Amino acid sequence: MDVSARRRGSKFLESPNKVFMPIAQDARKKPVSIKVHVSTGEGVEITWSDQHASRYDFPYLRDHCPCALCNDEREKKAKGGSSSSSALLPMYKPRVTAKSANAVGNYALQIQFSDSHATGIFSFEHLREICPCEACERDFRSAAKETTA
């Protein structure tokens, strides 16, 4: 297969001597409308290509941040270990809001939260997978658990 014959928009894995099949893209994970309500604090609204509408408040997004540090913290908690931010007595934490949000290319959002955390890049694929509705729980998160089990 000639590498120059690739279709536009497809992702191909390449090696010096071989061209592999394109990586399948789930069309349902493509947004058609994105609204980030930083000033009102309402969160993020996304309408997807299948017309599903997702709403995420900023505390939910902060709790589901995909950065390495947050992933490590979640893994420690899941294993029963203590996290570096845990204390003997729960501390009051103000509601997390967003200070700003920026597009990352045409594939993600980066949000700077009021707790100064800004390292997570929320890909649209990740956002669809963490959509808080029951239908997305069944279609995306349950399917992901089955493939990793």
N, C-alpha and C. Protein backbone atom coordinates (compact mmCIF):
# COMPACT_ATOMS: atom_id res chain seq x y z
N MET A 1 0.84 -1.17 0.00
CA MET A 1 0.00 0.00 0.00
C MET A 1 0.89 1.24 0.00
N ASP A 2 0.64 2.14 -0.89
CA ASP A 2 1.40 3.38 -0.99
C ASP A 2 0.96 4.34 0.10
N VAL A 3 1.93 4.83 0.90
CA VAL A 3 1.63 5.74 2.00
C VAL A 3 0.96 7.00 1.49
N SER A 4 1.31 7.45 0.31
CA SER A 4 0.71 8.67 -0.23
C SER A 4 -0.75 8.48 -0.60
N ALA A 5 -1.22 7.26 -0.64
CA ALA A 5 -2.61 6.99 -1.01
C ALA A 5 -3.54 7.02 0.19
N ARG A 6 -3.02 7.41 1.35
CA ARG A 6 -3.87 7.46 2.55
C ARG A 6 -4.99 8.48 2.38
N ARG A 7 -6.12 8.14 2.97
CA ARG A 7 -7.24 9.08 2.99
C ARG A 7 -7.00 10.15 4.03
N ARG A 8 -7.42 11.35 3.74
CA ARG A 8 -7.31 12.45 4.68
C ARG A 8 -8.17 12.19 5.89
N GLY A 9 -7.66 12.52 7.07
CA GLY A 9 -8.43 12.36 8.29
C GLY A 9 -8.25 11.02 8.96
N SER A 10 -7.70 10.04 8.29
CA SER A 10 -7.46 8.74 8.92
C SER A 10 -6.12 8.77 9.61
N LYS A 11 -6.03 8.05 10.71
CA LYS A 11 -4.76 7.93 11.41
C LYS A 11 -4.15 6.59 11.05
N PHE A 12 -2.90 6.62 10.62
CA PHE A 12 -2.21 5.40 10.27
C PHE A 12 -1.01 5.21 11.17
N LEU A 13 -0.74 3.97 11.51
CA LEU A 13 0.50 3.64 12.20
C LEU A 13 1.50 3.27 11.12
N GLU A 14 2.69 3.83 11.19
CA GLU A 14 3.67 3.57 10.16
C GLU A 14 4.97 3.05 10.76
N SER A 15 5.65 2.23 10.05
CA SER A 15 7.01 1.84 10.37
C SER A 15 7.80 2.02 9.07
N PRO A 16 9.13 1.97 9.11
CA PRO A 16 9.90 2.21 7.87
C PRO A 16 9.50 1.29 6.71
N ASN A 17 9.10 0.06 7.00
CA ASN A 17 8.83 -0.88 5.91
C ASN A 17 7.37 -1.26 5.76
N LYS A 18 6.54 -0.85 6.72
CA LYS A 18 5.16 -1.31 6.68
C LYS A 18 4.20 -0.17 6.98
N VAL A 19 3.00 -0.29 6.45
CA VAL A 19 1.91 0.61 6.80
C VAL A 19 0.80 -0.27 7.35
N PHE A 20 0.33 0.04 8.55
CA PHE A 20 -0.71 -0.73 9.20
C PHE A 20 -2.06 -0.10 8.95
N MET A 21 -3.09 -0.81 9.31
CA MET A 21 -4.46 -0.33 9.12
C MET A 21 -4.70 0.91 9.98
N PRO A 22 -5.64 1.76 9.57
CA PRO A 22 -5.93 2.96 10.35
C PRO A 22 -6.53 2.60 11.71
N ILE A 23 -6.29 3.47 12.69
CA ILE A 23 -6.87 3.30 14.01
C ILE A 23 -8.33 3.70 13.93
N ALA A 24 -9.21 2.84 14.38
CA ALA A 24 -10.64 3.11 14.30
C ALA A 24 -10.99 4.30 15.20
N GLN A 25 -11.75 5.24 14.69
CA GLN A 25 -12.22 6.39 15.45
C GLN A 25 -13.71 6.21 15.69
N ASP A 26 -14.13 6.39 16.94
CA ASP A 26 -15.54 6.30 17.27
C ASP A 26 -16.17 7.65 16.96
N ALA A 27 -17.02 7.69 15.96
CA ALA A 27 -17.64 8.95 15.52
C ALA A 27 -18.46 9.60 16.63
N ARG A 28 -18.92 8.81 17.60
CA ARG A 28 -19.72 9.37 18.69
C ARG A 28 -18.89 10.25 19.61
N LYS A 29 -17.58 10.17 19.52
CA LYS A 29 -16.69 10.95 20.38
C LYS A 29 -16.22 12.24 19.72
N LYS A 30 -16.91 12.64 18.66
CA LYS A 30 -16.57 13.88 17.96
C LYS A 30 -17.60 14.95 18.34
N PRO A 31 -17.13 16.07 18.92
CA PRO A 31 -18.09 17.12 19.29
C PRO A 31 -18.49 17.97 18.09
N VAL A 32 -19.74 18.44 18.11
CA VAL A 32 -20.19 19.38 17.10
C VAL A 32 -20.42 20.77 17.71
N SER A 33 -20.53 20.82 19.04
CA SER A 33 -20.70 22.10 19.73
C SER A 33 -20.09 21.98 21.12
N ILE A 34 -19.29 22.99 21.50
CA ILE A 34 -18.64 23.01 22.81
C ILE A 34 -18.86 24.39 23.42
N LYS A 35 -19.39 24.41 24.63
CA LYS A 35 -19.57 25.66 25.36
C LYS A 35 -18.93 25.50 26.73
N VAL A 36 -18.00 26.39 27.04
CA VAL A 36 -17.34 26.38 28.35
C VAL A 36 -17.78 27.64 29.08
N HIS A 37 -18.47 27.46 30.19
CA HIS A 37 -19.04 28.58 30.94
C HIS A 37 -18.14 28.93 32.12
N VAL A 38 -17.00 29.56 31.83
CA VAL A 38 -16.04 29.91 32.88
C VAL A 38 -16.60 31.01 33.77
N SER A 39 -17.12 32.07 33.17
CA SER A 39 -17.55 33.24 33.97
C SER A 39 -18.75 32.94 34.86
N THR A 40 -19.66 32.08 34.42
CA THR A 40 -20.83 31.76 35.25
C THR A 40 -20.57 30.56 36.16
N GLY A 41 -19.52 29.80 35.87
CA GLY A 41 -19.18 28.63 36.69
C GLY A 41 -20.06 27.43 36.44
N GLU A 42 -20.86 27.45 35.38
CA GLU A 42 -21.79 26.36 35.10
C GLU A 42 -21.11 25.10 34.58
N GLY A 43 -19.92 25.22 34.05
CA GLY A 43 -19.22 24.04 33.56
C GLY A 43 -19.13 23.98 32.05
N VAL A 44 -19.09 22.77 31.53
CA VAL A 44 -18.88 22.54 30.11
C VAL A 44 -20.09 21.80 29.53
N GLU A 45 -20.55 22.27 28.38
CA GLU A 45 -21.63 21.60 27.65
C GLU A 45 -21.08 21.19 26.29
N ILE A 46 -21.29 19.93 25.94
CA ILE A 46 -20.84 19.43 24.63
C ILE A 46 -21.98 18.69 23.97
N THR A 47 -22.23 19.02 22.72
CA THR A 47 -23.15 18.23 21.89
C THR A 47 -22.27 17.42 20.95
N TRP A 48 -22.51 16.12 20.92
CA TRP A 48 -21.68 15.19 20.15
C TRP A 48 -22.30 14.93 18.79
N SER A 49 -21.54 14.31 17.90
CA SER A 49 -21.99 14.07 16.53
C SER A 49 -23.24 13.19 16.46
N ASP A 50 -23.50 12.39 17.49
CA ASP A 50 -24.73 11.58 17.51
C ASP A 50 -25.87 12.33 18.21
N GLN A 51 -25.70 13.65 18.42
CA GLN A 51 -26.67 14.55 19.03
C GLN A 51 -26.85 14.34 20.53
N HIS A 52 -26.04 13.52 21.15
CA HIS A 52 -26.07 13.37 22.61
C HIS A 52 -25.50 14.64 23.22
N ALA A 53 -26.12 15.13 24.29
CA ALA A 53 -25.63 16.32 24.98
C ALA A 53 -25.06 15.92 26.34
N SER A 54 -23.84 16.37 26.61
CA SER A 54 -23.18 16.10 27.89
C SER A 54 -22.98 17.41 28.63
N ARG A 55 -23.17 17.35 29.96
CA ARG A 55 -22.91 18.50 30.83
C ARG A 55 -21.96 18.05 31.94
N TYR A 56 -20.92 18.83 32.14
CA TYR A 56 -19.92 18.52 33.16
C TYR A 56 -19.76 19.75 34.04
N ASP A 57 -19.93 19.60 35.37
CA ASP A 57 -19.60 20.75 36.21
C ASP A 57 -18.10 20.70 36.50
N PHE A 58 -17.54 21.83 36.90
CA PHE A 58 -16.09 21.90 37.08
C PHE A 58 -15.55 20.98 38.18
N PRO A 59 -16.25 20.82 39.32
CA PRO A 59 -15.74 19.86 40.31
C PRO A 59 -15.67 18.42 39.75
N TYR A 60 -16.66 18.03 38.94
CA TYR A 60 -16.65 16.70 38.33
C TYR A 60 -15.43 16.56 37.42
N LEU A 61 -15.16 17.58 36.60
CA LEU A 61 -14.01 17.52 35.71
C LEU A 61 -12.70 17.48 36.50
N ARG A 62 -12.63 18.26 37.58
CA ARG A 62 -11.42 18.25 38.40
C ARG A 62 -11.19 16.87 39.00
N ASP A 63 -12.27 16.22 39.44
CA ASP A 63 -12.16 14.88 40.01
C ASP A 63 -11.77 13.83 38.96
N HIS A 64 -12.05 14.11 37.69
CA HIS A 64 -11.75 13.16 36.61
C HIS A 64 -10.60 13.65 35.73
N CYS A 65 -9.75 14.49 36.29
CA CYS A 65 -8.61 15.01 35.54
C CYS A 65 -7.74 13.84 35.05
N PRO A 66 -7.36 13.85 33.76
CA PRO A 66 -6.59 12.73 33.22
C PRO A 66 -5.07 12.86 33.35
N CYS A 67 -4.57 13.85 34.08
CA CYS A 67 -3.11 14.01 34.15
C CYS A 67 -2.48 12.88 34.96
N ALA A 68 -1.19 12.71 34.82
CA ALA A 68 -0.47 11.62 35.49
C ALA A 68 -0.56 11.72 37.01
N LEU A 69 -0.43 12.91 37.56
CA LEU A 69 -0.50 13.09 39.00
C LEU A 69 -1.86 12.66 39.55
N CYS A 70 -2.92 13.09 38.89
CA CYS A 70 -4.27 12.72 39.34
C CYS A 70 -4.53 11.23 39.16
N ASN A 71 -4.04 10.65 38.07
CA ASN A 71 -4.18 9.21 37.87
C ASN A 71 -3.47 8.44 38.97
N ASP A 72 -2.28 8.89 39.35
CA ASP A 72 -1.54 8.24 40.44
C ASP A 72 -2.31 8.32 41.75
N GLU A 73 -2.87 9.48 42.04
CA GLU A 73 -3.65 9.67 43.26
C GLU A 73 -4.87 8.73 43.29
N ARG A 74 -5.56 8.61 42.16
CA ARG A 74 -6.72 7.72 42.09
C ARG A 74 -6.31 6.26 42.28
N GLU A 75 -5.18 5.87 41.69
CA GLU A 75 -4.69 4.49 41.85
C GLU A 75 -4.34 4.21 43.31
N LYS A 76 -3.71 5.15 43.99
CA LYS A 76 -3.38 4.97 45.40
C LYS A 76 -4.64 4.80 46.24
N LYS A 77 -5.63 5.61 45.98
CA LYS A 77 -6.89 5.51 46.72
C LYS A 77 -7.58 4.17 46.45
N ALA A 78 -7.55 3.73 45.19
CA ALA A 78 -8.19 2.47 44.83
C ALA A 78 -7.50 1.28 45.50
N LYS A 79 -6.20 1.37 45.72
CA LYS A 79 -5.45 0.30 46.36
C LYS A 79 -5.52 0.38 47.88
N GLY A 80 -6.21 1.38 48.38
CA GLY A 80 -6.36 1.52 49.82
C GLY A 80 -5.27 2.31 50.49
N GLY A 81 -4.37 2.83 49.71
CA GLY A 81 -3.30 3.64 50.27
C GLY A 81 -3.78 5.05 50.54
N SER A 82 -2.99 5.78 51.29
CA SER A 82 -3.38 7.16 51.55
C SER A 82 -2.80 8.05 50.46
N SER A 83 -3.52 9.10 50.16
CA SER A 83 -3.01 10.05 49.19
C SER A 83 -2.29 11.15 49.93
N SER A 84 -1.46 11.86 49.23
CA SER A 84 -0.68 12.92 49.86
C SER A 84 -1.57 14.06 50.36
N SER A 85 -2.78 14.16 49.82
CA SER A 85 -3.66 15.24 50.22
C SER A 85 -4.65 14.83 51.31
N SER A 86 -4.61 13.56 51.75
CA SER A 86 -5.55 13.13 52.77
C SER A 86 -5.06 13.57 54.14
N ALA A 87 -6.02 13.80 55.05
CA ALA A 87 -5.69 14.23 56.40
C ALA A 87 -6.54 13.45 57.37
N LEU A 88 -6.16 13.49 58.66
CA LEU A 88 -6.94 12.80 59.68
C LEU A 88 -8.34 13.38 59.80
N LEU A 89 -8.42 14.68 59.76
CA LEU A 89 -9.71 15.35 59.81
C LEU A 89 -9.97 15.98 58.45
N PRO A 90 -11.17 15.81 57.93
CA PRO A 90 -11.44 16.42 56.63
C PRO A 90 -11.36 17.94 56.72
N MET A 91 -10.74 18.51 55.74
CA MET A 91 -10.59 19.96 55.69
C MET A 91 -11.68 20.53 54.77
N TYR A 92 -12.10 21.74 55.09
CA TYR A 92 -13.04 22.42 54.19
C TYR A 92 -12.31 22.76 52.90
N LYS A 93 -12.90 22.41 51.79
CA LYS A 93 -12.34 22.77 50.50
C LYS A 93 -13.39 23.56 49.74
N PRO A 94 -13.06 24.76 49.29
CA PRO A 94 -14.05 25.52 48.52
C PRO A 94 -14.36 24.80 47.20
N ARG A 95 -15.55 25.04 46.69
CA ARG A 95 -15.98 24.45 45.42
C ARG A 95 -15.00 24.85 44.32
N VAL A 96 -14.55 23.87 43.58
CA VAL A 96 -13.60 24.12 42.49
C VAL A 96 -14.35 24.76 41.32
N THR A 97 -13.77 25.81 40.80
CA THR A 97 -14.29 26.47 39.61
C THR A 97 -13.17 26.51 38.57
N ALA A 98 -13.45 27.13 37.46
CA ALA A 98 -12.42 27.26 36.42
C ALA A 98 -12.01 28.72 36.32
N LYS A 99 -10.71 28.93 36.20
CA LYS A 99 -10.20 30.28 35.97
C LYS A 99 -10.15 30.57 34.47
N SER A 100 -9.84 29.54 33.69
CA SER A 100 -9.78 29.70 32.24
C SER A 100 -9.86 28.33 31.58
N ALA A 101 -10.12 28.35 30.29
CA ALA A 101 -10.14 27.12 29.50
C ALA A 101 -9.67 27.45 28.09
N ASN A 102 -8.88 26.56 27.53
CA ASN A 102 -8.34 26.78 26.19
C ASN A 102 -8.46 25.51 25.36
N ALA A 103 -8.63 25.70 24.06
CA ALA A 103 -8.62 24.57 23.14
C ALA A 103 -7.19 24.09 22.98
N VAL A 104 -7.03 22.78 22.88
CA VAL A 104 -5.72 22.19 22.58
C VAL A 104 -5.89 21.54 21.21
N GLY A 105 -5.33 22.19 20.21
CA GLY A 105 -5.51 21.71 18.85
C GLY A 105 -6.99 21.58 18.54
N ASN A 106 -7.35 20.53 17.84
CA ASN A 106 -8.77 20.27 17.57
C ASN A 106 -9.21 18.97 18.23
N TYR A 107 -8.52 18.62 19.36
CA TYR A 107 -8.83 17.35 19.98
C TYR A 107 -9.07 17.40 21.48
N ALA A 108 -8.90 18.57 22.13
CA ALA A 108 -8.98 18.57 23.58
C ALA A 108 -9.22 19.97 24.15
N LEU A 109 -9.52 19.99 25.46
CA LEU A 109 -9.62 21.22 26.25
C LEU A 109 -8.62 21.13 27.39
N GLN A 110 -8.05 22.28 27.75
CA GLN A 110 -7.22 22.35 28.94
C GLN A 110 -7.86 23.40 29.84
N ILE A 111 -8.11 23.02 31.09
CA ILE A 111 -8.80 23.89 32.04
C ILE A 111 -7.85 24.23 33.18
N GLN A 112 -7.79 25.50 33.51
CA GLN A 112 -7.06 25.91 34.72
C GLN A 112 -8.10 26.07 35.81
N PHE A 113 -7.99 25.24 36.86
CA PHE A 113 -8.95 25.23 37.94
C PHE A 113 -8.57 26.23 39.03
N SER A 114 -9.54 26.57 39.86
CA SER A 114 -9.32 27.55 40.92
C SER A 114 -8.34 27.06 41.98
N ASP A 115 -8.07 25.75 42.04
CA ASP A 115 -7.07 25.24 42.99
C ASP A 115 -5.66 25.23 42.37
N SER A 116 -5.50 25.95 41.27
CA SER A 116 -4.23 26.13 40.53
C SER A 116 -3.81 24.91 39.72
N HIS A 117 -4.63 23.88 39.66
CA HIS A 117 -4.31 22.70 38.87
C HIS A 117 -4.63 22.99 37.41
N ALA A 118 -3.67 22.75 36.51
CA ALA A 118 -3.89 23.04 35.10
C ALA A 118 -3.17 22.08 34.17
N THR A 119 -2.73 20.93 34.68
CA THR A 119 -1.93 20.04 33.84
C THR A 119 -2.75 19.02 33.07
N GLY A 120 -4.02 18.88 33.37
CA GLY A 120 -4.84 17.89 32.67
C GLY A 120 -5.30 18.39 31.31
N ILE A 121 -5.14 17.56 30.31
CA ILE A 121 -5.66 17.86 28.98
C ILE A 121 -6.81 16.89 28.74
N PHE A 122 -8.01 17.44 28.64
CA PHE A 122 -9.22 16.64 28.50
C PHE A 122 -9.51 16.42 27.02
N SER A 123 -9.07 15.27 26.49
CA SER A 123 -9.36 14.97 25.09
C SER A 123 -10.87 14.78 24.95
N PHE A 124 -11.37 15.02 23.76
CA PHE A 124 -12.80 14.82 23.54
C PHE A 124 -13.19 13.36 23.74
N GLU A 125 -12.28 12.46 23.40
CA GLU A 125 -12.53 11.03 23.64
C GLU A 125 -12.71 10.78 25.14
N HIS A 126 -11.82 11.34 25.95
CA HIS A 126 -11.92 11.17 27.40
C HIS A 126 -13.21 11.80 27.93
N LEU A 127 -13.54 12.99 27.44
CA LEU A 127 -14.77 13.65 27.91
C LEU A 127 -16.01 12.82 27.60
N ARG A 128 -16.06 12.22 26.43
CA ARG A 128 -17.23 11.39 26.11
C ARG A 128 -17.27 10.16 27.01
N GLU A 129 -16.11 9.59 27.28
CA GLU A 129 -16.05 8.39 28.12
C GLU A 129 -16.42 8.68 29.58
N ILE A 130 -16.20 9.90 30.05
CA ILE A 130 -16.55 10.22 31.44
C ILE A 130 -17.86 10.97 31.55
N CYS A 131 -18.61 11.06 30.47
CA CYS A 131 -19.93 11.72 30.53
C CYS A 131 -20.71 11.10 31.68
N PRO A 132 -21.29 11.95 32.56
CA PRO A 132 -21.94 11.41 33.76
C PRO A 132 -23.29 10.72 33.55
N CYS A 133 -23.81 10.68 32.35
CA CYS A 133 -25.13 10.07 32.16
C CYS A 133 -25.05 8.54 32.15
N GLU A 134 -26.18 7.90 32.41
CA GLU A 134 -26.23 6.43 32.47
C GLU A 134 -25.94 5.78 31.13
N ALA A 135 -26.40 6.39 30.05
CA ALA A 135 -26.19 5.80 28.72
C ALA A 135 -24.70 5.73 28.38
N CYS A 136 -23.96 6.79 28.69
CA CYS A 136 -22.52 6.78 28.42
C CYS A 136 -21.79 5.85 29.38
N GLU A 137 -22.27 5.75 30.61
CA GLU A 137 -21.71 4.78 31.57
C GLU A 137 -21.78 3.38 30.96
N ARG A 138 -22.94 3.05 30.42
CA ARG A 138 -23.16 1.72 29.84
C ARG A 138 -22.34 1.55 28.55
N ASP A 139 -22.36 2.57 27.67
CA ASP A 139 -21.74 2.43 26.35
C ASP A 139 -20.23 2.55 26.36
N PHE A 140 -19.69 3.38 27.27
CA PHE A 140 -18.25 3.65 27.22
C PHE A 140 -17.48 3.09 28.41
N ARG A 141 -17.89 3.39 29.61
CA ARG A 141 -17.11 2.94 30.77
C ARG A 141 -17.27 1.46 31.01
N SER A 142 -18.46 0.92 30.86
CA SER A 142 -18.65 -0.52 31.03
C SER A 142 -17.88 -1.30 29.99
N ALA A 143 -17.88 -0.82 28.75
CA ALA A 143 -17.15 -1.48 27.67
C ALA A 143 -15.65 -1.43 27.94
N ALA A 144 -15.15 -0.33 28.48
CA ALA A 144 -13.72 -0.21 28.78
C ALA A 144 -13.32 -1.18 29.88
N LYS A 145 -14.18 -1.38 30.88
CA LYS A 145 -13.88 -2.32 31.95
C LYS A 145 -13.81 -3.74 31.43
N GLU A 146 -14.69 -4.09 30.49
CA GLU A 146 -14.69 -5.43 29.92
C GLU A 146 -13.42 -5.73 29.14
N THR A 147 -12.89 -4.72 28.42
CA THR A 147 -11.68 -4.95 27.61
C THR A 147 -10.43 -5.01 28.46
N THR A 148 -10.44 -4.40 29.67
CA THR A 148 -9.27 -4.45 30.53
C THR A 148 -9.32 -5.59 31.53
N ALA A 149 -10.45 -6.27 31.63
CA ALA A 149 -10.59 -7.37 32.59
C ALA A 149 -9.97 -8.64 32.09
